[in-house]
């Protein structure tokens, strides 16, 4: 009888803890549609904005690259004057490309399509850049390649270096950055002040700021 009594108490105690744990979990859980938007609608505090111009949702860093491409393509269709064009003494421009006036691009470089190059960027001879965003104060040395990538502020890419991601072909490629600890095929991202040494290949990886890359990296997150 004592054993039966103790077993019943143990069951009740375990059930009570489980029930209490569930209540705590529910209290700390916030659902946008059910807990926030529904309440705002009930209080007549929810409204909608009808956008008639260009709009693209950006959920992650990776989604900035296709969003940049769409914006540039729209600008090309609208014949916007800020887009770069091939000139006799300038680099070869393919498709929609934006180059900041302070950037220095070698005439033998090939840029585009879908490239944004920001202030004070220096691009050396023979460089190839497409489907990428290059932020301020980046230096890209001779014959390097930047493909399907974001290059952060103050980065340095050495001669024959290569920073390459995978082309995003569906929304599923944008949302999931890692899967079971492995980098999913997506764009390549260099954080601020990353140094890529000569002839180093960084493929389909995310590199956090202030790193020096002296060896090849593939499908990794470098912290």
N, C-alpha and C. Protein backbone atom coordinates (compact mmCIF):
# COMPACT_ATOMS: atom_id res chain seq x y z
N UNK A 1 0.82 -1.20 0.00
CA UNK A 1 0.00 0.00 0.00
C UNK A 1 0.86 1.27 0.00
N UNK A 2 1.96 1.22 0.78
CA UNK A 2 2.85 2.39 0.81
C UNK A 2 3.46 2.63 -0.56
N UNK A 3 3.88 1.54 -1.23
CA UNK A 3 4.46 1.67 -2.58
C UNK A 3 3.45 2.25 -3.55
N UNK A 4 2.19 1.78 -3.48
CA UNK A 4 1.16 2.30 -4.37
C UNK A 4 0.92 3.78 -4.13
N UNK A 5 0.90 4.17 -2.83
CA UNK A 5 0.68 5.56 -2.48
C UNK A 5 1.81 6.45 -3.03
N UNK A 6 3.06 5.99 -2.87
CA UNK A 6 4.20 6.76 -3.37
C UNK A 6 4.17 6.88 -4.88
N UNK A 7 3.78 5.81 -5.56
CA UNK A 7 3.69 5.85 -7.03
C UNK A 7 2.64 6.85 -7.49
N UNK A 8 1.49 6.87 -6.80
CA UNK A 8 0.44 7.82 -7.17
C UNK A 8 0.91 9.26 -6.96
N UNK A 9 1.60 9.51 -5.83
CA UNK A 9 2.12 10.86 -5.57
C UNK A 9 3.13 11.28 -6.63
N UNK A 10 3.98 10.32 -7.05
CA UNK A 10 4.98 10.62 -8.08
C UNK A 10 4.31 10.98 -9.40
N UNK A 11 3.23 10.23 -9.73
CA UNK A 11 2.51 10.52 -10.97
C UNK A 11 1.86 11.90 -10.93
N UNK A 12 1.23 12.22 -9.80
CA UNK A 12 0.58 13.51 -9.66
C UNK A 12 1.59 14.64 -9.73
N UNK A 13 2.76 14.42 -9.07
CA UNK A 13 3.80 15.44 -9.08
C UNK A 13 4.34 15.67 -10.48
N UNK A 14 4.58 14.57 -11.22
CA UNK A 14 5.09 14.69 -12.58
C UNK A 14 4.06 15.37 -13.48
N UNK A 15 2.78 15.01 -13.30
CA UNK A 15 1.73 15.62 -14.10
C UNK A 15 1.63 17.12 -13.81
N UNK A 16 1.74 17.45 -12.54
CA UNK A 16 1.67 18.87 -12.15
C UNK A 16 2.81 19.67 -12.73
N UNK A 17 4.02 19.11 -12.69
CA UNK A 17 5.16 19.82 -13.25
C UNK A 17 5.01 20.01 -14.74
N UNK A 18 4.53 18.97 -15.43
CA UNK A 18 4.35 19.05 -16.87
C UNK A 18 3.34 20.14 -17.23
N UNK A 19 2.21 20.15 -16.46
CA UNK A 19 1.16 21.13 -16.72
C UNK A 19 1.67 22.55 -16.46
N UNK A 20 2.43 22.71 -15.37
CA UNK A 20 2.98 24.02 -15.03
C UNK A 20 3.98 24.48 -16.08
N UNK A 21 4.82 23.51 -16.56
CA UNK A 21 5.81 23.83 -17.58
C UNK A 21 5.15 24.31 -18.86
N UNK A 22 4.01 23.63 -19.23
CA UNK A 22 3.30 24.03 -20.45
C UNK A 22 2.74 25.44 -20.31
N UNK A 23 2.22 25.74 -19.09
CA UNK A 23 1.67 27.07 -18.87
C UNK A 23 2.74 28.14 -18.99
N UNK A 24 3.92 27.88 -18.44
CA UNK A 24 5.02 28.84 -18.53
C UNK A 24 5.45 29.04 -19.97
N UNK A 25 5.50 27.92 -20.71
CA UNK A 25 5.90 28.01 -22.11
C UNK A 25 4.90 28.84 -22.91
N UNK A 26 3.59 28.63 -22.65
CA UNK A 26 2.56 29.38 -23.36
C UNK A 26 2.62 30.87 -23.03
N UNK A 27 2.92 31.19 -21.77
CA UNK A 27 2.99 32.59 -21.36
C UNK A 27 4.12 33.32 -22.08
N UNK A 28 5.23 32.64 -22.28
CA UNK A 28 6.41 33.26 -22.89
C UNK A 28 6.40 33.21 -24.42
N UNK A 29 5.36 32.66 -24.97
CA UNK A 29 5.30 32.50 -26.42
C UNK A 29 4.43 33.59 -27.03
N UNK A 30 4.95 34.27 -28.06
CA UNK A 30 4.22 35.35 -28.71
C UNK A 30 4.08 35.03 -30.19
N UNK A 31 2.84 34.97 -30.65
CA UNK A 31 2.56 34.67 -32.05
C UNK A 31 2.05 35.93 -32.74
N UNK A 32 2.69 36.30 -33.84
CA UNK A 32 2.37 37.56 -34.51
C UNK A 32 0.91 37.61 -34.95
N UNK A 33 0.46 36.60 -35.70
CA UNK A 33 -0.89 36.65 -36.26
C UNK A 33 -1.96 36.56 -35.18
N UNK A 34 -1.79 35.61 -34.23
CA UNK A 34 -2.84 35.38 -33.24
C UNK A 34 -2.81 36.37 -32.08
N UNK A 35 -1.62 36.67 -31.58
CA UNK A 35 -1.52 37.48 -30.36
C UNK A 35 -1.38 38.98 -30.61
N UNK A 36 -0.81 39.36 -31.74
CA UNK A 36 -0.55 40.77 -32.00
C UNK A 36 -1.55 41.35 -32.99
N UNK A 37 -1.58 40.79 -34.20
CA UNK A 37 -2.43 41.36 -35.24
C UNK A 37 -3.92 41.25 -34.90
N UNK A 38 -4.32 40.13 -34.32
CA UNK A 38 -5.73 39.96 -33.96
C UNK A 38 -6.17 41.00 -32.93
N UNK A 39 -5.32 41.24 -31.94
CA UNK A 39 -5.64 42.23 -30.91
C UNK A 39 -5.67 43.64 -31.50
N UNK A 40 -4.72 43.94 -32.37
CA UNK A 40 -4.70 45.27 -33.02
C UNK A 40 -5.95 45.47 -33.87
N UNK A 41 -6.38 44.43 -34.58
CA UNK A 41 -7.59 44.55 -35.40
C UNK A 41 -8.81 44.77 -34.52
N UNK A 42 -8.88 44.05 -33.39
CA UNK A 42 -10.02 44.20 -32.48
C UNK A 42 -10.09 45.62 -31.91
N UNK A 43 -8.94 46.24 -31.71
CA UNK A 43 -8.89 47.59 -31.17
C UNK A 43 -8.89 48.66 -32.27
N UNK A 44 -9.10 48.21 -33.51
CA UNK A 44 -9.13 49.11 -34.66
C UNK A 44 -7.84 49.93 -34.78
N UNK A 45 -6.72 49.29 -34.50
CA UNK A 45 -5.41 49.93 -34.62
C UNK A 45 -4.60 49.36 -35.78
N UNK A 46 -5.21 48.48 -36.55
CA UNK A 46 -4.52 47.81 -37.66
C UNK A 46 -5.00 48.40 -38.97
N UNK A 47 -4.04 48.74 -39.84
CA UNK A 47 -4.40 49.28 -41.15
C UNK A 47 -3.44 48.73 -42.20
N UNK A 48 -3.74 48.98 -43.43
CA UNK A 48 -2.91 48.49 -44.54
C UNK A 48 -2.46 49.67 -45.40
N UNK A 49 -1.26 49.55 -45.95
CA UNK A 49 -0.75 50.57 -46.85
C UNK A 49 -0.63 49.97 -48.24
N UNK A 50 -1.31 50.56 -49.18
CA UNK A 50 -1.29 50.08 -50.55
C UNK A 50 -0.10 50.71 -51.28
N UNK A 51 0.87 49.88 -51.64
CA UNK A 51 2.08 50.36 -52.32
C UNK A 51 1.92 50.15 -53.82
N UNK A 52 2.04 51.23 -54.56
CA UNK A 52 1.90 51.14 -56.02
C UNK A 52 3.25 51.15 -56.72
N UNK A 53 4.32 51.47 -55.98
CA UNK A 53 5.65 51.50 -56.57
C UNK A 53 6.41 50.19 -56.37
N UNK A 54 7.70 50.22 -56.66
CA UNK A 54 8.54 49.03 -56.53
C UNK A 54 8.69 48.67 -55.06
N UNK A 55 8.55 47.37 -54.75
CA UNK A 55 8.66 46.91 -53.36
C UNK A 55 9.15 45.47 -53.37
N UNK A 56 10.07 45.18 -52.45
CA UNK A 56 10.57 43.81 -52.33
C UNK A 56 10.93 43.55 -50.88
N UNK A 57 10.42 42.47 -50.34
CA UNK A 57 10.72 42.11 -48.96
C UNK A 57 12.15 41.59 -48.83
N UNK A 58 12.86 42.03 -47.79
CA UNK A 58 14.21 41.54 -47.51
C UNK A 58 14.20 40.88 -46.14
N UNK A 59 14.29 39.56 -46.10
CA UNK A 59 14.23 38.83 -44.84
C UNK A 59 15.60 38.57 -44.26
N UNK A 60 16.61 38.53 -45.10
CA UNK A 60 17.94 38.15 -44.64
C UNK A 60 18.98 38.85 -45.50
N UNK A 61 20.24 38.74 -45.09
CA UNK A 61 21.32 39.33 -45.90
C UNK A 61 21.33 38.74 -47.30
N UNK A 62 21.09 37.43 -47.40
CA UNK A 62 21.12 36.78 -48.71
C UNK A 62 20.08 37.35 -49.66
N UNK A 63 18.91 37.72 -49.12
CA UNK A 63 17.85 38.22 -49.98
C UNK A 63 18.14 39.62 -50.52
N UNK A 64 19.18 40.30 -49.98
CA UNK A 64 19.53 41.63 -50.50
C UNK A 64 20.06 41.55 -51.93
N UNK A 65 20.69 40.46 -52.29
CA UNK A 65 21.27 40.35 -53.64
C UNK A 65 20.18 40.27 -54.72
N UNK A 66 19.20 39.37 -54.62
CA UNK A 66 18.13 39.39 -55.64
C UNK A 66 17.30 40.67 -55.58
N UNK A 67 17.13 41.27 -54.38
CA UNK A 67 16.41 42.54 -54.29
C UNK A 67 17.17 43.64 -55.03
N UNK A 68 18.49 43.67 -54.86
CA UNK A 68 19.33 44.62 -55.58
C UNK A 68 19.21 44.43 -57.09
N UNK A 69 19.18 43.17 -57.52
CA UNK A 69 19.05 42.88 -58.95
C UNK A 69 17.72 43.38 -59.50
N UNK A 70 16.64 43.16 -58.76
CA UNK A 70 15.33 43.61 -59.22
C UNK A 70 15.27 45.14 -59.30
N UNK A 71 15.84 45.82 -58.31
CA UNK A 71 15.84 47.27 -58.32
C UNK A 71 16.63 47.80 -59.52
N UNK A 72 17.80 47.21 -59.78
CA UNK A 72 18.62 47.66 -60.90
C UNK A 72 17.93 47.38 -62.25
N UNK A 73 17.28 46.23 -62.36
CA UNK A 73 16.57 45.91 -63.60
C UNK A 73 15.42 46.89 -63.84
N UNK A 74 14.74 47.26 -62.76
CA UNK A 74 13.67 48.25 -62.91
C UNK A 74 14.24 49.60 -63.35
N UNK A 75 15.38 49.98 -62.73
CA UNK A 75 16.03 51.23 -63.12
C UNK A 75 16.46 51.20 -64.58
N UNK A 76 16.94 50.03 -65.03
CA UNK A 76 17.34 49.90 -66.43
C UNK A 76 16.13 50.05 -67.35
N UNK A 77 15.01 49.44 -66.95
CA UNK A 77 13.80 49.57 -67.75
C UNK A 77 13.28 50.99 -67.79
N UNK A 78 13.51 51.74 -66.71
CA UNK A 78 13.08 53.14 -66.64
C UNK A 78 14.12 54.10 -67.22
N UNK A 79 15.23 53.52 -67.70
CA UNK A 79 16.32 54.32 -68.31
C UNK A 79 16.86 55.38 -67.34
N UNK A 80 17.10 54.96 -66.10
CA UNK A 80 17.60 55.87 -65.08
C UNK A 80 19.04 56.30 -65.40
N UNK A 81 19.34 57.56 -65.16
CA UNK A 81 20.65 58.11 -65.54
C UNK A 81 21.78 57.67 -64.62
N UNK A 82 21.46 57.19 -63.41
CA UNK A 82 22.53 56.82 -62.48
C UNK A 82 23.18 55.48 -62.81
N UNK A 83 22.62 54.73 -63.74
CA UNK A 83 23.22 53.44 -64.10
C UNK A 83 24.46 53.65 -64.96
N UNK A 84 25.45 52.76 -64.75
CA UNK A 84 26.71 52.86 -65.50
C UNK A 84 26.53 52.34 -66.93
N UNK A 85 27.34 52.89 -67.81
CA UNK A 85 27.33 52.46 -69.22
C UNK A 85 28.76 52.24 -69.69
N UNK A 86 28.93 51.35 -70.66
CA UNK A 86 30.25 51.10 -71.24
C UNK A 86 30.70 52.32 -72.02
N UNK A 87 31.94 52.75 -71.75
CA UNK A 87 32.54 53.88 -72.47
C UNK A 87 33.87 53.46 -73.06
N UNK A 88 34.43 54.31 -73.91
CA UNK A 88 35.69 53.97 -74.59
C UNK A 88 36.84 53.78 -73.60
N UNK A 89 36.85 54.57 -72.53
CA UNK A 89 37.97 54.49 -71.58
C UNK A 89 37.56 53.89 -70.24
N UNK A 90 36.41 53.22 -70.20
CA UNK A 90 35.94 52.65 -68.94
C UNK A 90 35.83 51.14 -69.00
N UNK A 91 35.37 50.52 -67.94
CA UNK A 91 35.23 49.06 -67.91
C UNK A 91 34.07 48.59 -68.77
N UNK A 92 34.05 47.31 -69.07
CA UNK A 92 32.93 46.72 -69.80
C UNK A 92 31.75 46.53 -68.85
N UNK A 93 30.62 47.11 -69.18
CA UNK A 93 29.42 47.03 -68.36
C UNK A 93 28.41 46.11 -69.03
N UNK A 94 27.92 45.13 -68.27
CA UNK A 94 26.93 44.20 -68.79
C UNK A 94 25.66 44.31 -67.96
N UNK A 95 24.53 44.58 -68.60
CA UNK A 95 23.27 44.65 -67.88
C UNK A 95 23.19 45.86 -66.97
N UNK A 96 22.41 45.73 -65.89
CA UNK A 96 22.15 46.84 -64.98
C UNK A 96 23.23 46.91 -63.91
N UNK A 97 23.93 48.04 -63.84
CA UNK A 97 25.06 48.22 -62.91
C UNK A 97 25.02 49.64 -62.35
N UNK A 98 25.24 49.75 -61.03
CA UNK A 98 25.42 51.06 -60.41
C UNK A 98 26.85 51.16 -59.88
N UNK A 99 27.54 52.25 -60.22
CA UNK A 99 28.90 52.50 -59.73
C UNK A 99 28.92 53.90 -59.13
N UNK A 100 29.30 53.99 -57.88
CA UNK A 100 29.37 55.30 -57.22
C UNK A 100 30.41 56.18 -57.91
N UNK A 101 30.18 57.47 -58.00
CA UNK A 101 31.13 58.36 -58.70
C UNK A 101 32.55 58.33 -58.13
N UNK A 102 32.71 58.01 -56.86
CA UNK A 102 34.05 58.00 -56.26
C UNK A 102 34.78 56.68 -56.45
N UNK A 103 34.11 55.66 -56.96
CA UNK A 103 34.76 54.36 -57.18
C UNK A 103 35.72 54.43 -58.36
N UNK A 104 36.82 53.67 -58.28
CA UNK A 104 37.82 53.61 -59.35
C UNK A 104 37.82 52.20 -59.94
N UNK A 105 37.38 52.10 -61.17
CA UNK A 105 37.26 50.80 -61.84
C UNK A 105 38.23 50.75 -63.01
N UNK A 106 39.09 49.75 -63.05
CA UNK A 106 40.06 49.65 -64.13
C UNK A 106 39.34 49.36 -65.46
N UNK A 107 39.82 49.94 -66.55
CA UNK A 107 39.15 49.76 -67.85
C UNK A 107 39.05 48.32 -68.32
N UNK A 108 39.93 47.43 -67.82
CA UNK A 108 39.87 46.03 -68.27
C UNK A 108 38.94 45.18 -67.41
N UNK A 109 38.33 45.76 -66.40
CA UNK A 109 37.39 44.99 -65.56
C UNK A 109 36.09 44.77 -66.32
N UNK A 110 35.37 43.71 -65.94
CA UNK A 110 34.06 43.42 -66.52
C UNK A 110 33.06 43.41 -65.36
N UNK A 111 32.09 44.29 -65.41
CA UNK A 111 31.15 44.48 -64.31
C UNK A 111 29.72 44.22 -64.79
N UNK A 112 29.01 43.39 -64.04
CA UNK A 112 27.61 43.15 -64.33
C UNK A 112 27.35 41.74 -64.85
N UNK A 113 26.06 41.39 -64.91
CA UNK A 113 24.92 42.24 -64.59
C UNK A 113 24.61 42.28 -63.09
N UNK A 114 23.71 43.17 -62.71
CA UNK A 114 23.14 43.24 -61.36
C UNK A 114 24.21 43.47 -60.29
N UNK A 115 24.94 44.56 -60.43
CA UNK A 115 26.02 44.88 -59.50
C UNK A 115 25.85 46.30 -58.98
N UNK A 116 26.03 46.46 -57.66
CA UNK A 116 26.09 47.79 -57.05
C UNK A 116 27.46 47.96 -56.40
N UNK A 117 28.19 48.99 -56.81
CA UNK A 117 29.52 49.28 -56.27
C UNK A 117 29.45 50.64 -55.58
N UNK A 118 29.83 50.66 -54.31
CA UNK A 118 29.63 51.85 -53.49
C UNK A 118 30.89 52.72 -53.43
N UNK A 119 30.89 53.66 -52.50
CA UNK A 119 31.88 54.74 -52.49
C UNK A 119 33.30 54.24 -52.24
N UNK A 120 34.23 54.86 -52.96
CA UNK A 120 35.68 54.69 -52.76
C UNK A 120 36.14 53.24 -52.94
N UNK A 121 35.42 52.48 -53.73
CA UNK A 121 35.85 51.12 -54.08
C UNK A 121 36.92 51.21 -55.16
N UNK A 122 37.94 50.36 -55.06
CA UNK A 122 39.01 50.30 -56.07
C UNK A 122 39.02 48.91 -56.68
N UNK A 123 38.80 48.83 -57.98
CA UNK A 123 38.74 47.55 -58.69
C UNK A 123 39.90 47.51 -59.67
N UNK A 124 40.75 46.49 -59.55
CA UNK A 124 41.95 46.37 -60.37
C UNK A 124 41.70 45.78 -61.74
N UNK A 125 42.77 45.63 -62.52
CA UNK A 125 42.65 45.11 -63.89
C UNK A 125 42.20 43.65 -63.92
N UNK A 126 41.37 43.34 -64.91
CA UNK A 126 40.94 41.96 -65.13
C UNK A 126 39.94 41.43 -64.13
N UNK A 127 39.42 42.27 -63.27
CA UNK A 127 38.47 41.82 -62.25
C UNK A 127 37.10 41.54 -62.90
N UNK A 128 36.43 40.52 -62.38
CA UNK A 128 35.09 40.17 -62.86
C UNK A 128 34.13 40.23 -61.67
N UNK A 129 33.04 41.01 -61.80
CA UNK A 129 32.03 41.11 -60.74
C UNK A 129 30.65 40.97 -61.36
N UNK A 130 29.84 40.07 -60.82
CA UNK A 130 28.44 40.01 -61.25
C UNK A 130 27.54 39.58 -60.09
N UNK A 131 26.28 40.00 -60.18
CA UNK A 131 25.25 39.68 -59.17
C UNK A 131 25.77 39.88 -57.76
N UNK A 132 26.28 41.07 -57.47
CA UNK A 132 26.93 41.30 -56.18
C UNK A 132 26.71 42.74 -55.70
N UNK A 133 26.91 42.91 -54.40
CA UNK A 133 26.90 44.22 -53.76
C UNK A 133 28.27 44.42 -53.12
N UNK A 134 28.94 45.50 -53.50
CA UNK A 134 30.27 45.81 -52.97
C UNK A 134 30.15 47.13 -52.20
N UNK A 135 30.37 47.08 -50.90
CA UNK A 135 30.17 48.25 -50.05
C UNK A 135 31.42 49.14 -49.99
N UNK A 136 31.35 50.20 -49.21
CA UNK A 136 32.36 51.27 -49.23
C UNK A 136 33.78 50.78 -48.91
N UNK A 137 34.75 51.43 -49.57
CA UNK A 137 36.18 51.29 -49.24
C UNK A 137 36.73 49.89 -49.46
N UNK A 138 36.16 49.16 -50.39
CA UNK A 138 36.66 47.82 -50.71
C UNK A 138 37.74 47.92 -51.79
N UNK A 139 38.75 47.06 -51.67
CA UNK A 139 39.80 46.96 -52.68
C UNK A 139 39.79 45.55 -53.27
N UNK A 140 39.68 45.47 -54.58
CA UNK A 140 39.68 44.17 -55.28
C UNK A 140 40.84 44.17 -56.25
N UNK A 141 41.81 43.33 -55.99
CA UNK A 141 43.05 43.33 -56.75
C UNK A 141 42.92 42.61 -58.09
N UNK A 142 44.03 42.59 -58.83
CA UNK A 142 44.07 42.11 -60.21
C UNK A 142 43.48 40.71 -60.37
N UNK A 143 42.62 40.59 -61.39
CA UNK A 143 42.10 39.30 -61.85
C UNK A 143 41.29 38.54 -60.80
N UNK A 144 40.82 39.22 -59.78
CA UNK A 144 39.94 38.58 -58.80
C UNK A 144 38.52 38.49 -59.36
N UNK A 145 37.70 37.66 -58.70
CA UNK A 145 36.31 37.50 -59.14
C UNK A 145 35.39 37.57 -57.92
N UNK A 146 34.30 38.31 -58.07
CA UNK A 146 33.27 38.40 -57.04
C UNK A 146 31.94 38.07 -57.71
N UNK A 147 31.36 36.93 -57.35
CA UNK A 147 30.16 36.43 -58.02
C UNK A 147 29.12 36.03 -56.98
N UNK A 148 27.89 36.55 -57.13
CA UNK A 148 26.79 36.20 -56.23
C UNK A 148 27.22 36.40 -54.77
N UNK A 149 27.61 37.62 -54.44
CA UNK A 149 28.19 37.86 -53.12
C UNK A 149 27.87 39.26 -52.61
N UNK A 150 28.04 39.42 -51.29
CA UNK A 150 28.06 40.73 -50.66
C UNK A 150 29.44 40.90 -50.03
N UNK A 151 30.11 41.99 -50.38
CA UNK A 151 31.45 42.28 -49.84
C UNK A 151 31.31 43.49 -48.91
N UNK A 152 31.60 43.29 -47.64
CA UNK A 152 31.38 44.32 -46.63
C UNK A 152 32.40 45.44 -46.67
N UNK A 153 32.16 46.46 -45.86
CA UNK A 153 33.01 47.65 -45.81
C UNK A 153 34.47 47.29 -45.50
N UNK A 154 35.37 47.98 -46.18
CA UNK A 154 36.81 47.91 -45.91
C UNK A 154 37.43 46.54 -46.16
N UNK A 155 36.79 45.70 -46.97
CA UNK A 155 37.38 44.39 -47.28
C UNK A 155 38.48 44.53 -48.32
N UNK A 156 39.38 43.55 -48.33
CA UNK A 156 40.47 43.49 -49.30
C UNK A 156 40.50 42.09 -49.91
N UNK A 157 40.39 42.04 -51.24
CA UNK A 157 40.45 40.77 -51.96
C UNK A 157 41.70 40.78 -52.82
N UNK A 158 42.59 39.80 -52.58
CA UNK A 158 43.89 39.79 -53.22
C UNK A 158 43.85 39.35 -54.68
N UNK A 159 45.03 39.39 -55.32
CA UNK A 159 45.14 39.00 -56.73
C UNK A 159 44.70 37.56 -56.93
N UNK A 160 43.91 37.36 -57.98
CA UNK A 160 43.37 36.05 -58.34
C UNK A 160 42.50 35.45 -57.23
N UNK A 161 42.12 36.26 -56.27
CA UNK A 161 41.18 35.78 -55.26
C UNK A 161 39.79 35.58 -55.86
N UNK A 162 39.00 34.76 -55.19
CA UNK A 162 37.67 34.47 -55.72
C UNK A 162 36.68 34.38 -54.56
N UNK A 163 35.64 35.19 -54.61
CA UNK A 163 34.56 35.17 -53.62
C UNK A 163 33.29 34.86 -54.39
N UNK A 164 32.75 33.67 -54.17
CA UNK A 164 31.66 33.20 -55.03
C UNK A 164 30.60 32.48 -54.23
N UNK A 165 29.35 32.88 -54.43
CA UNK A 165 28.21 32.17 -53.88
C UNK A 165 27.46 31.43 -54.96
N UNK A 166 26.34 30.85 -54.57
CA UNK A 166 25.48 30.16 -55.53
C UNK A 166 24.35 31.08 -55.94
N UNK A 167 23.97 31.02 -57.17
CA UNK A 167 22.88 31.86 -57.66
C UNK A 167 21.58 31.47 -57.00
N UNK A 168 20.85 32.45 -56.47
CA UNK A 168 19.57 32.20 -55.82
C UNK A 168 18.50 32.05 -56.89
N UNK A 169 17.83 30.90 -56.89
CA UNK A 169 16.83 30.62 -57.92
C UNK A 169 15.42 30.51 -57.37
N UNK A 170 15.27 30.44 -56.02
CA UNK A 170 13.94 30.35 -55.43
C UNK A 170 13.97 30.96 -54.04
N UNK A 171 12.83 31.36 -53.49
CA UNK A 171 12.78 31.94 -52.15
C UNK A 171 13.31 31.01 -51.08
N UNK A 172 13.21 29.69 -51.27
CA UNK A 172 13.71 28.74 -50.26
C UNK A 172 15.20 28.88 -50.05
N UNK A 173 15.94 29.29 -51.08
CA UNK A 173 17.39 29.45 -50.95
C UNK A 173 17.73 30.65 -50.08
N UNK A 174 16.80 31.60 -49.97
CA UNK A 174 17.07 32.83 -49.24
C UNK A 174 16.89 32.63 -47.75
N UNK A 175 15.80 31.96 -47.35
CA UNK A 175 15.41 31.93 -45.95
C UNK A 175 16.32 31.07 -45.10
N UNK A 176 16.78 29.94 -45.61
CA UNK A 176 17.54 29.01 -44.79
C UNK A 176 19.03 29.22 -45.03
N UNK A 177 19.73 29.69 -44.01
CA UNK A 177 21.16 29.95 -44.14
C UNK A 177 21.96 28.72 -43.76
N UNK A 178 21.53 28.01 -42.73
CA UNK A 178 22.24 26.81 -42.31
C UNK A 178 21.25 25.66 -42.20
N UNK A 179 21.76 24.47 -42.39
CA UNK A 179 20.95 23.27 -42.25
C UNK A 179 21.82 22.18 -41.64
N UNK A 180 21.47 21.78 -40.41
CA UNK A 180 22.26 20.76 -39.69
C UNK A 180 23.72 21.17 -39.57
N UNK A 181 23.93 22.46 -39.37
CA UNK A 181 25.30 22.94 -39.16
C UNK A 181 26.09 23.17 -40.43
N UNK A 182 25.47 22.98 -41.59
CA UNK A 182 26.17 23.14 -42.87
C UNK A 182 25.56 24.32 -43.62
N UNK A 183 26.41 25.12 -44.23
CA UNK A 183 25.93 26.28 -45.00
C UNK A 183 25.15 25.80 -46.21
N UNK A 184 23.92 26.25 -46.34
CA UNK A 184 23.11 25.93 -47.52
C UNK A 184 23.61 26.75 -48.70
N UNK A 185 23.53 26.18 -49.89
CA UNK A 185 23.97 26.91 -51.08
C UNK A 185 23.21 28.22 -51.20
N UNK A 186 23.93 29.30 -51.12
CA UNK A 186 23.35 30.62 -51.21
C UNK A 186 24.47 31.59 -51.54
N UNK A 187 24.24 32.89 -51.35
CA UNK A 187 25.28 33.85 -51.67
C UNK A 187 26.44 33.75 -50.68
N UNK A 188 27.56 34.31 -51.07
CA UNK A 188 28.74 34.39 -50.19
C UNK A 188 28.75 35.78 -49.56
N UNK A 189 29.04 35.86 -48.26
CA UNK A 189 29.01 37.13 -47.55
C UNK A 189 30.32 37.33 -46.81
N UNK A 190 30.98 38.47 -47.07
CA UNK A 190 32.15 38.87 -46.30
C UNK A 190 31.73 40.02 -45.39
N UNK A 191 31.95 39.87 -44.09
CA UNK A 191 31.66 40.94 -43.16
C UNK A 191 32.66 42.07 -43.29
N UNK A 192 32.53 43.06 -42.46
CA UNK A 192 33.41 44.23 -42.51
C UNK A 192 34.87 43.85 -42.26
N UNK A 193 35.77 44.48 -43.03
CA UNK A 193 37.21 44.36 -42.81
C UNK A 193 37.69 42.91 -42.87
N UNK A 194 37.29 42.20 -43.90
CA UNK A 194 37.79 40.84 -44.14
C UNK A 194 38.88 40.91 -45.20
N UNK A 195 40.00 40.24 -44.94
CA UNK A 195 41.13 40.23 -45.86
C UNK A 195 41.22 38.85 -46.53
N UNK A 196 41.04 38.81 -47.83
CA UNK A 196 41.17 37.56 -48.60
C UNK A 196 42.52 37.61 -49.31
N UNK A 197 43.40 36.72 -48.96
CA UNK A 197 44.75 36.74 -49.51
C UNK A 197 44.76 36.34 -50.99
N UNK A 198 45.90 36.56 -51.63
CA UNK A 198 46.06 36.22 -53.05
C UNK A 198 45.73 34.75 -53.29
N UNK A 199 44.98 34.49 -54.38
CA UNK A 199 44.67 33.16 -54.87
C UNK A 199 43.84 32.33 -53.90
N UNK A 200 43.17 32.96 -52.97
CA UNK A 200 42.30 32.24 -52.03
C UNK A 200 40.87 32.24 -52.57
N UNK A 201 40.20 31.10 -52.43
CA UNK A 201 38.86 30.91 -52.94
C UNK A 201 37.90 30.75 -51.75
N UNK A 202 37.00 31.72 -51.59
CA UNK A 202 35.96 31.65 -50.56
C UNK A 202 34.65 31.38 -51.28
N UNK A 203 34.12 30.19 -51.11
CA UNK A 203 32.93 29.79 -51.86
C UNK A 203 31.77 29.48 -50.91
N UNK A 204 30.63 30.09 -51.21
CA UNK A 204 29.39 29.75 -50.53
C UNK A 204 29.54 29.78 -49.01
N UNK A 205 30.20 30.80 -48.49
CA UNK A 205 30.48 30.88 -47.05
C UNK A 205 30.08 32.25 -46.51
N UNK A 206 29.96 32.31 -45.19
CA UNK A 206 29.75 33.57 -44.48
C UNK A 206 30.97 33.81 -43.60
N UNK A 207 31.61 34.96 -43.78
CA UNK A 207 32.80 35.29 -43.01
C UNK A 207 32.47 36.48 -42.12
N UNK A 208 32.60 36.31 -40.82
CA UNK A 208 32.32 37.40 -39.90
C UNK A 208 33.41 38.46 -39.97
N UNK A 209 33.13 39.67 -39.44
CA UNK A 209 34.08 40.78 -39.60
C UNK A 209 35.46 40.53 -39.01
N UNK A 210 36.42 41.28 -39.59
CA UNK A 210 37.80 41.37 -39.07
C UNK A 210 38.51 40.01 -39.11
N UNK A 211 38.34 39.28 -40.21
CA UNK A 211 39.02 38.00 -40.38
C UNK A 211 40.04 38.09 -41.52
N UNK A 212 41.10 37.32 -41.40
CA UNK A 212 42.09 37.22 -42.48
C UNK A 212 42.02 35.81 -43.04
N UNK A 213 41.64 35.70 -44.32
CA UNK A 213 41.45 34.40 -44.96
C UNK A 213 42.69 34.06 -45.79
N UNK A 214 43.48 33.13 -45.26
CA UNK A 214 44.71 32.74 -45.92
C UNK A 214 44.58 31.40 -46.64
N UNK A 215 43.44 30.73 -46.49
CA UNK A 215 43.23 29.44 -47.14
C UNK A 215 41.82 29.34 -47.67
N UNK A 216 41.59 28.41 -48.59
CA UNK A 216 40.29 28.24 -49.22
C UNK A 216 39.24 27.78 -48.21
N UNK A 217 38.02 28.28 -48.38
CA UNK A 217 36.91 27.88 -47.52
C UNK A 217 35.68 27.62 -48.39
N UNK A 218 34.99 26.53 -48.10
CA UNK A 218 33.80 26.16 -48.87
C UNK A 218 32.68 25.75 -47.93
N UNK A 219 31.51 26.32 -48.13
CA UNK A 219 30.30 25.95 -47.36
C UNK A 219 30.56 26.02 -45.86
N UNK A 220 31.11 27.12 -45.40
CA UNK A 220 31.41 27.28 -43.97
C UNK A 220 30.92 28.62 -43.47
N UNK A 221 30.75 28.70 -42.15
CA UNK A 221 30.52 29.96 -41.47
C UNK A 221 31.75 30.21 -40.60
N UNK A 222 32.53 31.23 -40.95
CA UNK A 222 33.81 31.49 -40.29
C UNK A 222 33.60 32.56 -39.23
N UNK A 223 33.73 32.18 -37.98
CA UNK A 223 33.46 33.10 -36.87
C UNK A 223 34.75 33.57 -36.21
